[in-house]
Amino acid sequence: MDKSIIASEFSFKAVRSSGAGGQNVNKVSSKAVLTFDLINSKGLSEEEKMLLQTKIATKLTQDGILILTSEEDRSQLKNKEKVIKKCFKLLENALVVPKERKETKIPRAVKEKRLNAKKVMSVLKQNRKKPNF
């Protein structure tokens, strides 16, 4: 993954934010919308593209375009920076391949401890019964 190439492929759009803010909301377009064409990206290898398409499929459009937004700040520049960080974090987390789990045997001491606990509980329950004369 080449971050500089990917960053050059981002396209941004400024939109009016929703929510509180008074008259400022109606005048200023501070919400930043980032679009990234995952399929036609030159900064990702084919294997990375396939992995990303499966891992972040819910965030992609049918054309394979990733759309992210940020409207936390009143500043358009800060929102743009935040959405870029959000995108790179999403891509990096999706590209992490988890380690394969190795199956291990259950240790003998653990089995014995479990059986002993069962025996103790059995004795306790037996002692609750009425004596049989």
Protein backbone atom coordinates (compact mmCIF):
# COMPACT_ATOMS: atom_id res chain seq x y z
CA MET A 1 0.00 0.00 0.00
CA ASP A 2 1.55 3.27 -1.16
CA LYS A 3 0.03 6.09 0.91
CA SER A 4 1.28 8.94 -1.30
CA ILE A 5 -0.33 7.48 -4.44
CA ILE A 6 -3.54 6.68 -2.57
CA ALA A 7 -3.69 10.21 -1.10
CA SER A 8 -3.43 11.68 -4.60
CA GLU A 9 -6.39 9.53 -5.71
CA PHE A 10 -8.75 10.93 -3.05
CA SER A 11 -11.44 13.33 -4.20
CA PHE A 12 -13.18 15.68 -1.79
CA LYS A 13 -16.48 17.49 -1.71
CA ALA A 14 -17.63 20.08 0.82
CA VAL A 15 -21.24 19.84 1.96
CA ARG A 16 -23.32 21.70 4.52
CA SER A 17 -23.22 19.97 7.89
CA SER A 18 -26.35 18.93 9.71
CA GLY A 19 -27.20 19.56 13.33
CA ALA A 20 -26.72 22.47 15.70
CA GLY A 21 -24.69 25.54 14.81
CA GLY A 22 -27.20 28.32 14.25
CA GLN A 23 -26.89 30.47 11.14
CA ASN A 24 -23.38 29.15 10.51
CA VAL A 25 -24.83 25.79 9.44
CA ASN A 26 -26.88 27.44 6.70
CA LYS A 27 -23.97 29.47 5.32
CA VAL A 28 -20.82 27.36 5.57
CA SER A 29 -20.08 24.02 3.90
CA SER A 30 -17.85 22.46 6.56
CA LYS A 31 -18.66 18.74 6.15
CA ALA A 32 -15.92 16.90 4.21
CA VAL A 33 -16.90 13.96 1.99
CA LEU A 34 -14.04 11.75 0.76
CA THR A 35 -14.48 9.38 -2.18
CA PHE A 36 -11.88 6.79 -3.11
CA ASP A 37 -12.12 4.45 -6.11
CA LEU A 38 -10.79 1.21 -4.65
CA ILE A 39 -10.99 -0.89 -7.81
CA ASN A 40 -9.07 1.53 -10.08
CA SER A 41 -6.48 2.51 -7.47
CA LYS A 42 -2.82 2.38 -8.53
CA GLY A 43 -1.55 2.54 -4.93
CA LEU A 44 -2.86 -0.93 -4.06
CA SER A 45 -1.83 -4.33 -5.37
CA GLU A 46 -4.43 -6.76 -6.73
CA GLU A 47 -4.22 -8.94 -3.60
CA GLU A 48 -4.79 -5.89 -1.38
CA LYS A 49 -7.77 -4.83 -3.48
CA MET A 50 -9.36 -8.27 -3.19
CA LEU A 51 -8.78 -8.36 0.58
CA LEU A 52 -10.23 -4.87 1.02
CA GLN A 53 -13.27 -5.68 -1.10
CA THR A 54 -14.14 -8.58 1.18
CA LYS A 55 -13.28 -6.92 4.51
CA ILE A 56 -14.94 -3.51 3.97
CA ALA A 57 -17.67 -4.61 1.57
CA THR A 58 -20.36 -2.90 3.66
CA LYS A 59 -18.66 0.49 3.28
CA LEU A 60 -18.26 0.24 -0.51
CA THR A 61 -20.76 1.17 -3.20
CA GLN A 62 -21.63 -1.33 -5.94
CA ASP A 63 -18.98 0.30 -8.15
CA GLY A 64 -16.29 -0.28 -5.51
CA ILE A 65 -16.08 3.32 -4.33
CA LEU A 66 -15.40 4.07 -0.68
CA ILE A 67 -17.27 7.10 0.71
CA LEU A 68 -16.35 8.54 4.11
CA THR A 69 -17.52 11.74 5.81
CA SER A 70 -16.49 13.93 8.71
CA GLU A 71 -18.54 16.77 10.19
CA GLU A 72 -17.18 16.93 13.73
CA ASP A 73 -15.53 20.37 13.51
CA ARG A 74 -16.71 23.70 12.22
CA SER A 75 -13.57 23.97 10.13
CA GLN A 76 -13.62 22.39 6.68
CA LEU A 77 -9.84 21.88 6.78
CA LYS A 78 -9.95 20.00 10.10
CA ASN A 79 -12.77 17.80 8.81
CA LYS A 80 -10.73 17.06 5.69
CA GLU A 81 -7.71 16.04 7.78
CA LYS A 82 -9.88 13.85 10.02
CA VAL A 83 -11.52 12.05 7.11
CA ILE A 84 -8.09 11.34 5.56
CA LYS A 85 -6.87 9.84 8.86
CA LYS A 86 -10.09 7.86 9.14
CA CYS A 87 -9.63 6.44 5.64
CA PHE A 88 -6.01 5.38 6.14
CA LYS A 89 -6.86 3.82 9.51
CA LEU A 90 -9.72 1.88 7.91
CA LEU A 91 -7.50 0.64 5.07
CA GLU A 92 -4.65 -0.37 7.40
CA ASN A 93 -6.96 -2.24 9.78
CA ALA A 94 -8.62 -4.08 6.89
CA LEU A 95 -5.27 -5.14 5.41
CA VAL A 96 -4.12 -6.84 8.63
CA VAL A 97 -4.19 -10.62 8.19
CA PRO A 98 -4.82 -12.39 11.51
CA LYS A 99 -2.45 -15.15 12.63
CA GLU A 100 -3.69 -18.69 12.19
CA ARG A 101 -4.60 -20.41 15.43
CA LYS A 102 -2.60 -23.49 16.29
CA GLU A 103 -4.60 -26.24 17.95
CA THR A 104 -3.11 -27.40 21.25
CA LYS A 105 -3.85 -30.29 23.57
CA ILE A 106 -5.68 -29.68 26.82
CA PRO A 107 -3.09 -30.24 29.56
CA ARG A 108 -3.56 -33.28 31.82
CA ALA A 109 -3.48 -31.10 34.95
CA VAL A 110 -6.43 -29.06 33.65
CA LYS A 111 -8.47 -32.21 32.98
CA GLU A 112 -7.68 -33.56 36.45
CA LYS A 113 -8.61 -30.26 38.09
CA ARG A 114 -12.00 -30.27 36.32
CA LEU A 115 -12.70 -33.90 37.32
CA ASN A 116 -11.72 -33.20 40.93
CA ALA A 117 -14.08 -30.21 41.03
CA LYS A 118 -16.87 -32.47 39.72
CA LYS A 119 -16.13 -35.04 42.43
CA VAL A 120 -16.24 -32.40 45.18
CA MET A 121 -19.58 -31.10 43.89
CA SER A 122 -20.92 -34.66 43.72
CA VAL A 123 -19.95 -35.32 47.34
CA LEU A 124 -21.59 -32.05 48.43
CA LYS A 125 -24.83 -33.00 46.72
CA GLN A 126 -24.73 -36.53 48.15
CA ASN A 127 -24.40 -35.08 51.67
CA ARG A 128 -27.59 -33.05 51.19
CA LYS A 129 -29.72 -36.20 50.83
CA LYS A 130 -31.58 -37.72 53.76
CA PRO A 131 -29.70 -40.64 55.30
CA ASN A 132 -30.92 -44.07 54.23
CA PHE A 133 -31.33 -46.35 57.30
